[in-house]
Amino acid sequence: AEADTAREELALALEDRRALELRHDAIFTKLEDA
């Protein structure tokens, strides 16, 4: 059960990281254009 919970938390963390990378990419693009 602890392993399943850890896997779920890891999946959420990976999704948050991908979303953060997308936001960073958008910010970098705007900064490069500016």
PDB file of all heavy atoms in Angstrom:
ATOM      1  N   ALA A   1       0.832  -1.210   0.000  1.00  0.00           N
ATOM      2  CA  ALA A   1       0.000   0.000   0.000  1.00  0.00           C
ATOM      3  C   ALA A   1       0.866   1.258   0.000  1.00  0.00           C
ATOM      4  O   ALA A   1       0.588   2.239  -0.713  1.00  0.00           O
ATOM      5  CB  ALA A   1      -0.928  -0.010   1.218  1.00  0.00           C
ATOM      6  N   GLU A   2       1.940   1.236   0.806  1.00  0.00           N
ATOM      7  CA  GLU A   2       2.834   2.383   0.825  1.00  0.00           C
ATOM      8  C   GLU A   2       3.513   2.579  -0.526  1.00  0.00           C
ATOM      9  O   GLU A   2       3.701   3.719  -0.987  1.00  0.00           O
ATOM     10  CB  GLU A   2       3.891   2.198   1.921  1.00  0.00           C
ATOM     11  CG  GLU A   2       3.328   2.271   3.341  1.00  0.00           C
ATOM     12  CD  GLU A   2       4.409   2.017   4.394  1.00  0.00           C
ATOM     13  OE1 GLU A   2       5.543   1.685   3.975  1.00  0.00           O
ATOM     14  OE2 GLU A   2       4.124   2.174   5.591  1.00  0.00           O
ATOM     15  N   ALA A   3       3.870   1.464  -1.181  1.00  0.00           N
ATOM     16  CA  ALA A   3       4.493   1.564  -2.498  1.00  0.00           C
ATOM     17  C   ALA A   3       3.520   2.147  -3.526  1.00  0.00           C
ATOM     18  O   ALA A   3       3.897   2.984  -4.359  1.00  0.00           O
ATOM     19  CB  ALA A   3       4.991   0.204  -2.960  1.00  0.00           C
ATOM     20  N   ASP A   4       2.238   1.710  -3.483  1.00  0.00           N
ATOM     21  CA  ASP A   4       1.238   2.265  -4.401  1.00  0.00           C
ATOM     22  C   ASP A   4       1.066   3.762  -4.177  1.00  0.00           C
ATOM     23  O   ASP A   4       0.967   4.555  -5.130  1.00  0.00           O
ATOM     24  CB  ASP A   4      -0.099   1.538  -4.220  1.00  0.00           C
ATOM     25  CG  ASP A   4      -0.022   0.079  -4.674  1.00  0.00           C
ATOM     26  OD1 ASP A   4       0.883  -0.230  -5.496  1.00  0.00           O
ATOM     27  OD2 ASP A   4      -0.850  -0.734  -4.219  1.00  0.00           O
ATOM     28  N   THR A   5       0.980   4.147  -2.880  1.00  0.00           N
ATOM     29  CA  THR A   5       0.847   5.580  -2.574  1.00  0.00           C
ATOM     30  C   THR A   5       2.041   6.374  -3.085  1.00  0.00           C
ATOM     31  O   THR A   5       1.902   7.480  -3.642  1.00  0.00           O
ATOM     32  CB  THR A   5       0.697   5.779  -1.050  1.00  0.00           C
ATOM     33  OG1 THR A   5      -0.424   5.023  -0.580  1.00  0.00           O
ATOM     34  CG2 THR A   5       0.514   7.245  -0.719  1.00  0.00           C
ATOM     35  N   ALA A   6       3.250   5.793  -2.881  1.00  0.00           N
ATOM     36  CA  ALA A   6       4.454   6.481  -3.356  1.00  0.00           C
ATOM     37  C   ALA A   6       4.447   6.615  -4.874  1.00  0.00           C
ATOM     38  O   ALA A   6       4.847   7.647  -5.424  1.00  0.00           O
ATOM     39  CB  ALA A   6       5.697   5.727  -2.890  1.00  0.00           C
ATOM     40  N   ARG A   7       3.977   5.559  -5.587  1.00  0.00           N
ATOM     41  CA  ARG A   7       3.917   5.636  -7.050  1.00  0.00           C
ATOM     42  C   ARG A   7       2.941   6.727  -7.491  1.00  0.00           C
ATOM     43  O   ARG A   7       3.186   7.460  -8.450  1.00  0.00           O
ATOM     44  CB  ARG A   7       3.501   4.278  -7.623  1.00  0.00           C
ATOM     45  CG  ARG A   7       4.561   3.193  -7.504  1.00  0.00           C
ATOM     46  CD  ARG A   7       4.189   1.982  -8.334  1.00  0.00           C
ATOM     47  NE  ARG A   7       5.144   0.883  -8.145  1.00  0.00           N
ATOM     48  CZ  ARG A   7       5.011  -0.086  -7.260  1.00  0.00           C
ATOM     49  NH1 ARG A   7       3.924  -0.130  -6.466  1.00  0.00           N
ATOM     50  NH2 ARG A   7       5.937  -1.036  -7.158  1.00  0.00           N
ATOM     51  N   GLU A   8       1.776   6.814  -6.808  1.00  0.00           N
ATOM     52  CA  GLU A   8       0.806   7.858  -7.157  1.00  0.00           C
ATOM     53  C   GLU A   8       1.395   9.249  -6.929  1.00  0.00           C
ATOM     54  O   GLU A   8       1.239  10.162  -7.759  1.00  0.00           O
ATOM     55  CB  GLU A   8      -0.468   7.666  -6.333  1.00  0.00           C
ATOM     56  CG  GLU A   8      -1.246   6.398  -6.693  1.00  0.00           C
ATOM     57  CD  GLU A   8      -2.455   6.202  -5.787  1.00  0.00           C
ATOM     58  OE1 GLU A   8      -2.620   7.028  -4.860  1.00  0.00           O
ATOM     59  OE2 GLU A   8      -3.219   5.245  -6.018  1.00  0.00           O
ATOM     60  N   GLU A   9       2.079   9.419  -5.780  1.00  0.00           N
ATOM     61  CA  GLU A   9       2.682  10.718  -5.499  1.00  0.00           C
ATOM     62  C   GLU A   9       3.765  11.046  -6.531  1.00  0.00           C
ATOM     63  O   GLU A   9       3.917  12.202  -6.960  1.00  0.00           O
ATOM     64  CB  GLU A   9       3.280  10.732  -4.096  1.00  0.00           C
ATOM     65  CG  GLU A   9       2.227  10.677  -2.986  1.00  0.00           C
ATOM     66  CD  GLU A   9       2.858  10.674  -1.597  1.00  0.00           C
ATOM     67  OE1 GLU A   9       4.113  10.645  -1.542  1.00  0.00           O
ATOM     68  OE2 GLU A   9       2.123  10.733  -0.601  1.00  0.00           O
ATOM     69  N   LEU A  10       4.526  10.003  -6.939  1.00  0.00           N
ATOM     70  CA  LEU A  10       5.558  10.232  -7.950  1.00  0.00           C
ATOM     71  C   LEU A  10       4.939  10.631  -9.287  1.00  0.00           C
ATOM     72  O   LEU A  10       5.444  11.534  -9.984  1.00  0.00           O
ATOM     73  CB  LEU A  10       6.398   8.963  -8.116  1.00  0.00           C
ATOM     74  CG  LEU A  10       7.508   9.034  -9.177  1.00  0.00           C
ATOM     75  CD1 LEU A  10       8.496  10.147  -8.850  1.00  0.00           C
ATOM     76  CD2 LEU A  10       8.219   7.686  -9.299  1.00  0.00           C
ATOM     77  N   ALA A  11       3.830   9.979  -9.656  1.00  0.00           N
ATOM     78  CA  ALA A  11       3.156  10.330 -10.910  1.00  0.00           C
ATOM     79  C   ALA A  11       2.653  11.777 -10.868  1.00  0.00           C
ATOM     80  O   ALA A  11       2.790  12.532 -11.842  1.00  0.00           O
ATOM     81  CB  ALA A  11       1.996   9.362 -11.166  1.00  0.00           C
ATOM     82  N   LEU A  12       2.069  12.174  -9.707  1.00  0.00           N
ATOM     83  CA  LEU A  12       1.610  13.562  -9.575  1.00  0.00           C
ATOM     84  C   LEU A  12       2.779  14.537  -9.653  1.00  0.00           C
ATOM     85  O   LEU A  12       2.675  15.608 -10.277  1.00  0.00           O
ATOM     86  CB  LEU A  12       0.859  13.736  -8.249  1.00  0.00           C
ATOM     87  CG  LEU A  12      -0.483  12.991  -8.122  1.00  0.00           C
ATOM     88  CD1 LEU A  12      -1.048  13.145  -6.715  1.00  0.00           C
ATOM     89  CD2 LEU A  12      -1.482  13.508  -9.155  1.00  0.00           C
ATOM     90  N   ALA A  13       3.889  14.162  -9.001  1.00  0.00           N
ATOM     91  CA  ALA A  13       5.064  15.040  -9.039  1.00  0.00           C
ATOM     92  C   ALA A  13       5.598  15.177 -10.464  1.00  0.00           C
ATOM     93  O   ALA A  13       6.002  16.268 -10.891  1.00  0.00           O
ATOM     94  CB  ALA A  13       6.151  14.497  -8.110  1.00  0.00           C
ATOM     95  N   LEU A  14       5.589  14.059 -11.229  1.00  0.00           N
ATOM     96  CA  LEU A  14       6.055  14.118 -12.612  1.00  0.00           C
ATOM     97  C   LEU A  14       5.128  14.985 -13.465  1.00  0.00           C
ATOM     98  O   LEU A  14       5.594  15.743 -14.333  1.00  0.00           O
ATOM     99  CB  LEU A  14       6.154  12.703 -13.194  1.00  0.00           C
ATOM    100  CG  LEU A  14       7.254  11.821 -12.591  1.00  0.00           C
ATOM    101  CD1 LEU A  14       7.179  10.421 -13.182  1.00  0.00           C
ATOM    102  CD2 LEU A  14       8.639  12.430 -12.846  1.00  0.00           C
ATOM    103  N   GLU A  15       3.806  14.886 -13.231  1.00  0.00           N
ATOM    104  CA  GLU A  15       2.863  15.734 -13.964  1.00  0.00           C
ATOM    105  C   GLU A  15       3.086  17.206 -13.631  1.00  0.00           C
ATOM    106  O   GLU A  15       3.064  18.074 -14.516  1.00  0.00           O
ATOM    107  CB  GLU A  15       1.429  15.320 -13.637  1.00  0.00           C
ATOM    108  CG  GLU A  15       1.041  13.959 -14.204  1.00  0.00           C
ATOM    109  CD  GLU A  15      -0.387  13.582 -13.836  1.00  0.00           C
ATOM    110  OE1 GLU A  15      -1.039  14.388 -13.142  1.00  0.00           O
ATOM    111  OE2 GLU A  15      -0.844  12.502 -14.244  1.00  0.00           O
ATOM    112  N   ASP A  16       3.278  17.473 -12.304  1.00  0.00           N
ATOM    113  CA  ASP A  16       3.557  18.869 -11.922  1.00  0.00           C
ATOM    114  C   ASP A  16       4.842  19.368 -12.570  1.00  0.00           C
ATOM    115  O   ASP A  16       4.928  20.531 -13.001  1.00  0.00           O
ATOM    116  CB  ASP A  16       3.670  18.984 -10.397  1.00  0.00           C
ATOM    117  CG  ASP A  16       2.342  18.729  -9.698  1.00  0.00           C
ATOM    118  OD1 ASP A  16       1.303  18.865 -10.370  1.00  0.00           O
ATOM    119  OD2 ASP A  16       2.349  18.397  -8.497  1.00  0.00           O
ATOM    120  N   ARG A  17       5.828  18.486 -12.646  1.00  0.00           N
ATOM    121  CA  ARG A  17       7.093  18.897 -13.265  1.00  0.00           C
ATOM    122  C   ARG A  17       6.910  19.184 -14.748  1.00  0.00           C
ATOM    123  O   ARG A  17       7.442  20.177 -15.270  1.00  0.00           O
ATOM    124  CB  ARG A  17       8.134  17.793 -13.068  1.00  0.00           C
ATOM    125  CG  ARG A  17       9.486  18.142 -13.691  1.00  0.00           C
ATOM    126  CD  ARG A  17      10.482  17.027 -13.516  1.00  0.00           C
ATOM    127  NE  ARG A  17      11.739  17.345 -14.163  1.00  0.00           N
ATOM    128  CZ  ARG A  17      12.790  16.547 -14.183  1.00  0.00           C
ATOM    129  NH1 ARG A  17      12.715  15.352 -13.587  1.00  0.00           N
ATOM    130  NH2 ARG A  17      13.906  16.912 -14.796  1.00  0.00           N
ATOM    131  N   ARG A  18       6.132  18.335 -15.439  1.00  0.00           N
ATOM    132  CA  ARG A  18       5.896  18.596 -16.859  1.00  0.00           C
ATOM    133  C   ARG A  18       5.142  19.901 -17.058  1.00  0.00           C
ATOM    134  O   ARG A  18       5.446  20.675 -17.975  1.00  0.00           O
ATOM    135  CB  ARG A  18       5.120  17.419 -17.476  1.00  0.00           C
ATOM    136  CG  ARG A  18       5.985  16.174 -17.725  1.00  0.00           C
ATOM    137  CD  ARG A  18       5.259  15.188 -18.607  1.00  0.00           C
ATOM    138  NE  ARG A  18       4.098  14.618 -17.930  1.00  0.00           N
ATOM    139  CZ  ARG A  18       4.122  13.524 -17.190  1.00  0.00           C
ATOM    140  NH1 ARG A  18       5.265  12.863 -17.023  1.00  0.00           N
ATOM    141  NH2 ARG A  18       3.033  13.059 -16.604  1.00  0.00           N
ATOM    142  N   ALA A  19       4.130  20.156 -16.212  1.00  0.00           N
ATOM    143  CA  ALA A  19       3.394  21.417 -16.319  1.00  0.00           C
ATOM    144  C   ALA A  19       4.312  22.605 -16.054  1.00  0.00           C
ATOM    145  O   ALA A  19       4.240  23.645 -16.735  1.00  0.00           O
ATOM    146  CB  ALA A  19       2.216  21.419 -15.339  1.00  0.00           C
ATOM    147  N   LEU A  20       5.189  22.462 -15.047  1.00  0.00           N
ATOM    148  CA  LEU A  20       6.123  23.542 -14.736  1.00  0.00           C
ATOM    149  C   LEU A  20       7.098  23.773 -15.893  1.00  0.00           C
ATOM    150  O   LEU A  20       7.428  24.921 -16.217  1.00  0.00           O
ATOM    151  CB  LEU A  20       6.889  23.198 -13.454  1.00  0.00           C
ATOM    152  CG  LEU A  20       7.832  24.280 -12.911  1.00  0.00           C
ATOM    153  CD1 LEU A  20       7.055  25.552 -12.588  1.00  0.00           C
ATOM    154  CD2 LEU A  20       8.549  23.765 -11.662  1.00  0.00           C
ATOM    155  N   GLU A  21       7.549  22.668 -16.532  1.00  0.00           N
ATOM    156  CA  GLU A  21       8.436  22.826 -17.674  1.00  0.00           C
ATOM    157  C   GLU A  21       7.737  23.540 -18.821  1.00  0.00           C
ATOM    158  O   GLU A  21       8.351  24.363 -19.514  1.00  0.00           O
ATOM    159  CB  GLU A  21       8.940  21.458 -18.124  1.00  0.00           C
ATOM    160  CG  GLU A  21       9.934  20.813 -17.146  1.00  0.00           C
ATOM    161  CD  GLU A  21      10.324  19.414 -17.581  1.00  0.00           C
ATOM    162  OE1 GLU A  21       9.672  18.899 -18.518  1.00  0.00           O
ATOM    163  OE2 GLU A  21      11.267  18.844 -16.985  1.00  0.00           O
ATOM    164  N   LEU A  22       6.447  23.235 -19.027  1.00  0.00           N
ATOM    165  CA  LEU A  22       5.695  23.943 -20.077  1.00  0.00           C
ATOM    166  C   LEU A  22       5.583  25.426 -19.760  1.00  0.00           C
ATOM    167  O   LEU A  22       5.721  26.283 -20.649  1.00  0.00           O
ATOM    168  CB  LEU A  22       4.303  23.313 -20.230  1.00  0.00           C
ATOM    169  CG  LEU A  22       4.265  21.891 -20.804  1.00  0.00           C
ATOM    170  CD1 LEU A  22       2.832  21.360 -20.800  1.00  0.00           C
ATOM    171  CD2 LEU A  22       4.832  21.871 -22.226  1.00  0.00           C
ATOM    172  N   ARG A  23       5.302  25.739 -18.473  1.00  0.00           N
ATOM    173  CA  ARG A  23       5.229  27.157 -18.095  1.00  0.00           C
ATOM    174  C   ARG A  23       6.580  27.838 -18.272  1.00  0.00           C
ATOM    175  O   ARG A  23       6.659  28.973 -18.751  1.00  0.00           O
ATOM    176  CB  ARG A  23       4.742  27.286 -16.644  1.00  0.00           C
ATOM    177  CG  ARG A  23       3.268  26.932 -16.451  1.00  0.00           C
ATOM    178  CD  ARG A  23       2.757  27.431 -15.115  1.00  0.00           C
ATOM    179  NE  ARG A  23       3.435  26.789 -13.990  1.00  0.00           N
ATOM    180  CZ  ARG A  23       3.016  25.678 -13.412  1.00  0.00           C
ATOM    181  NH1 ARG A  23       1.918  25.065 -13.857  1.00  0.00           N
ATOM    182  NH2 ARG A  23       3.667  25.161 -12.394  1.00  0.00           N
ATOM    183  N   HIS A  24       7.652  27.132 -17.898  1.00  0.00           N
ATOM    184  CA  HIS A  24       8.992  27.703 -18.082  1.00  0.00           C
ATOM    185  C   HIS A  24       9.277  27.942 -19.563  1.00  0.00           C
ATOM    186  O   HIS A  24       9.861  28.970 -19.931  1.00  0.00           O
ATOM    187  CB  HIS A  24      10.045  26.767 -17.496  1.00  0.00           C
ATOM    188  CG  HIS A  24      10.152  26.882 -16.006  1.00  0.00           C
ATOM    189  ND1 HIS A  24      11.130  26.250 -15.272  1.00  0.00           N
ATOM    190  CD2 HIS A  24       9.396  27.550 -15.119  1.00  0.00           C
ATOM    191  CE1 HIS A  24      10.984  26.532 -13.992  1.00  0.00           C
ATOM    192  NE2 HIS A  24       9.928  27.305 -13.880  1.00  0.00           N
ATOM    193  N   ASP A  25       8.867  26.995 -20.408  1.00  0.00           N
ATOM    194  CA  ASP A  25       9.102  27.153 -21.838  1.00  0.00           C
ATOM    195  C   ASP A  25       8.366  28.382 -22.368  1.00  0.00           C
ATOM    196  O   ASP A  25       8.915  29.146 -23.164  1.00  0.00           O
ATOM    197  CB  ASP A  25       8.645  25.888 -22.575  1.00  0.00           C
ATOM    198  CG  ASP A  25       8.926  25.975 -24.067  1.00  0.00           C
ATOM    199  OD1 ASP A  25      10.096  25.926 -24.457  1.00  0.00           O
ATOM    200  OD2 ASP A  25       7.951  26.101 -24.829  1.00  0.00           O
ATOM    201  N   ALA A  26       7.112  28.586 -21.933  1.00  0.00           N
ATOM    202  CA  ALA A  26       6.354  29.772 -22.365  1.00  0.00           C
ATOM    203  C   ALA A  26       7.019  31.058 -21.878  1.00  0.00           C
ATOM    204  O   ALA A  26       7.115  32.046 -22.615  1.00  0.00           O
ATOM    205  CB  ALA A  26       4.914  29.683 -21.858  1.00  0.00           C
ATOM    206  N   ILE A  27       7.492  31.031 -20.618  1.00  0.00           N
ATOM    207  CA  ILE A  27       8.154  32.224 -20.077  1.00  0.00           C
ATOM    208  C   ILE A  27       9.450  32.507 -20.825  1.00  0.00           C
ATOM    209  O   ILE A  27       9.752  33.655 -21.180  1.00  0.00           O
ATOM    210  CB  ILE A  27       8.413  32.041 -18.564  1.00  0.00           C
ATOM    211  CG1 ILE A  27       7.075  32.019 -17.800  1.00  0.00           C
ATOM    212  CG2 ILE A  27       9.299  33.166 -18.029  1.00  0.00           C
ATOM    213  CD1 ILE A  27       7.231  31.681 -16.342  1.00  0.00           C
ATOM    214  N   PHE A  28      10.232  31.446 -21.090  1.00  0.00           N
ATOM    215  CA  PHE A  28      11.477  31.643 -21.826  1.00  0.00           C
ATOM    216  C   PHE A  28      11.204  32.208 -23.220  1.00  0.00           C
ATOM    217  O   PHE A  28      11.940  33.075 -23.712  1.00  0.00           O
ATOM    218  CB  PHE A  28      12.230  30.320 -21.945  1.00  0.00           C
ATOM    219  CG  PHE A  28      12.943  29.917 -20.683  1.00  0.00           C
ATOM    220  CD1 PHE A  28      13.135  28.581 -20.364  1.00  0.00           C
ATOM    221  CD2 PHE A  28      13.418  30.872 -19.802  1.00  0.00           C
ATOM    222  CE1 PHE A  28      13.792  28.207 -19.205  1.00  0.00           C
ATOM    223  CE2 PHE A  28      14.074  30.516 -18.646  1.00  0.00           C
ATOM    224  CZ  PHE A  28      14.253  29.178 -18.337  1.00  0.00           C
ATOM    225  N   THR A  29      10.144  31.703 -23.872  1.00  0.00           N
ATOM    226  CA  THR A  29       9.810  32.202 -25.210  1.00  0.00           C
ATOM    227  C   THR A  29       9.483  33.685 -25.175  1.00  0.00           C
ATOM    228  O   THR A  29       9.934  34.470 -26.016  1.00  0.00           O
ATOM    229  CB  THR A  29       8.626  31.406 -25.785  1.00  0.00           C
ATOM    230  OG1 THR A  29       8.971  30.007 -25.851  1.00  0.00           O
ATOM    231  CG2 THR A  29       8.282  31.900 -27.185  1.00  0.00           C
ATOM    232  N   LYS A  30       8.662  34.089 -24.169  1.00  0.00           N
ATOM    233  CA  LYS A  30       8.313  35.512 -24.054  1.00  0.00           C
ATOM    234  C   LYS A  30       9.550  36.358 -23.768  1.00  0.00           C
ATOM    235  O   LYS A  30       9.718  37.452 -24.317  1.00  0.00           O
ATOM    236  CB  LYS A  30       7.276  35.704 -22.951  1.00  0.00           C
ATOM    237  CG  LYS A  30       5.905  35.126 -23.285  1.00  0.00           C
ATOM    238  CD  LYS A  30       4.901  35.394 -22.167  1.00  0.00           C
ATOM    239  CE  LYS A  30       3.527  34.841 -22.516  1.00  0.00           C
ATOM    240  NZ  LYS A  30       2.539  35.074 -21.432  1.00  0.00           N
ATOM    241  N   LEU A  31      10.427  35.846 -22.898  1.00  0.00           N
ATOM    242  CA  LEU A  31      11.638  36.606 -22.581  1.00  0.00           C
ATOM    243  C   LEU A  31      12.547  36.730 -23.803  1.00  0.00           C
ATOM    244  O   LEU A  31      13.120  37.796 -24.056  1.00  0.00           O
ATOM    245  CB  LEU A  31      12.390  35.920 -21.435  1.00  0.00           C
ATOM    246  CG  LEU A  31      11.755  36.021 -20.046  1.00  0.00           C
ATOM    247  CD1 LEU A  31      12.563  35.223 -19.039  1.00  0.00           C
ATOM    248  CD2 LEU A  31      11.657  37.473 -19.603  1.00  0.00           C
ATOM    249  N   GLU A  32      12.671  35.631 -24.568  1.00  0.00           N
ATOM    250  CA  GLU A  32      13.500  35.690 -25.771  1.00  0.00           C
ATOM    251  C   GLU A  32      12.943  36.696 -26.762  1.00  0.00           C
ATOM    252  O   GLU A  32      13.692  37.473 -27.367  1.00  0.00           O
ATOM    253  CB  GLU A  32      13.583  34.303 -26.405  1.00  0.00           C
ATOM    254  CG  GLU A  32      14.420  33.310 -25.579  1.00  0.00           C
ATOM    255  CD  GLU A  32      14.261  31.874 -26.050  1.00  0.00           C
ATOM    256  OE1 GLU A  32      13.361  31.620 -26.893  1.00  0.00           O
ATOM    257  OE2 GLU A  32      15.012  31.004 -25.590  1.00  0.00           O
ATOM    258  N   ASP A  33      11.597  36.705 -26.942  1.00  0.00           N
ATOM    259  CA  ASP A  33      10.985  37.676 -27.859  1.00  0.00           C
ATOM    260  C   ASP A  33      11.203  39.099 -27.359  1.00  0.00           C
ATOM    261  O   ASP A  33      11.505  40.013 -28.144  1.00  0.00           O
ATOM    262  CB  ASP A  33       9.491  37.393 -28.006  1.00  0.00           C
ATOM    263  CG  ASP A  33       9.236  36.058 -28.701  1.00  0.00           C
ATOM    264  OD1 ASP A  33      10.160  35.566 -29.386  1.00  0.00           O
ATOM    265  OD2 ASP A  33       8.126  35.521 -28.555  1.00  0.00           O
ATOM    266  N   ALA A  34      11.031  39.307 -26.046  1.00  0.00           N
ATOM    267  CA  ALA A  34      11.201  40.650 -25.486  1.00  0.00           C
ATOM    268  C   ALA A  34      12.632  41.150 -25.654  1.00  0.00           C
ATOM    269  O   ALA A  34      12.867  42.306 -26.015  1.00  0.00           O
ATOM    270  CB  ALA A  34      10.809  40.654 -24.004  1.00  0.00           C
TER     271      ALA A  34
END
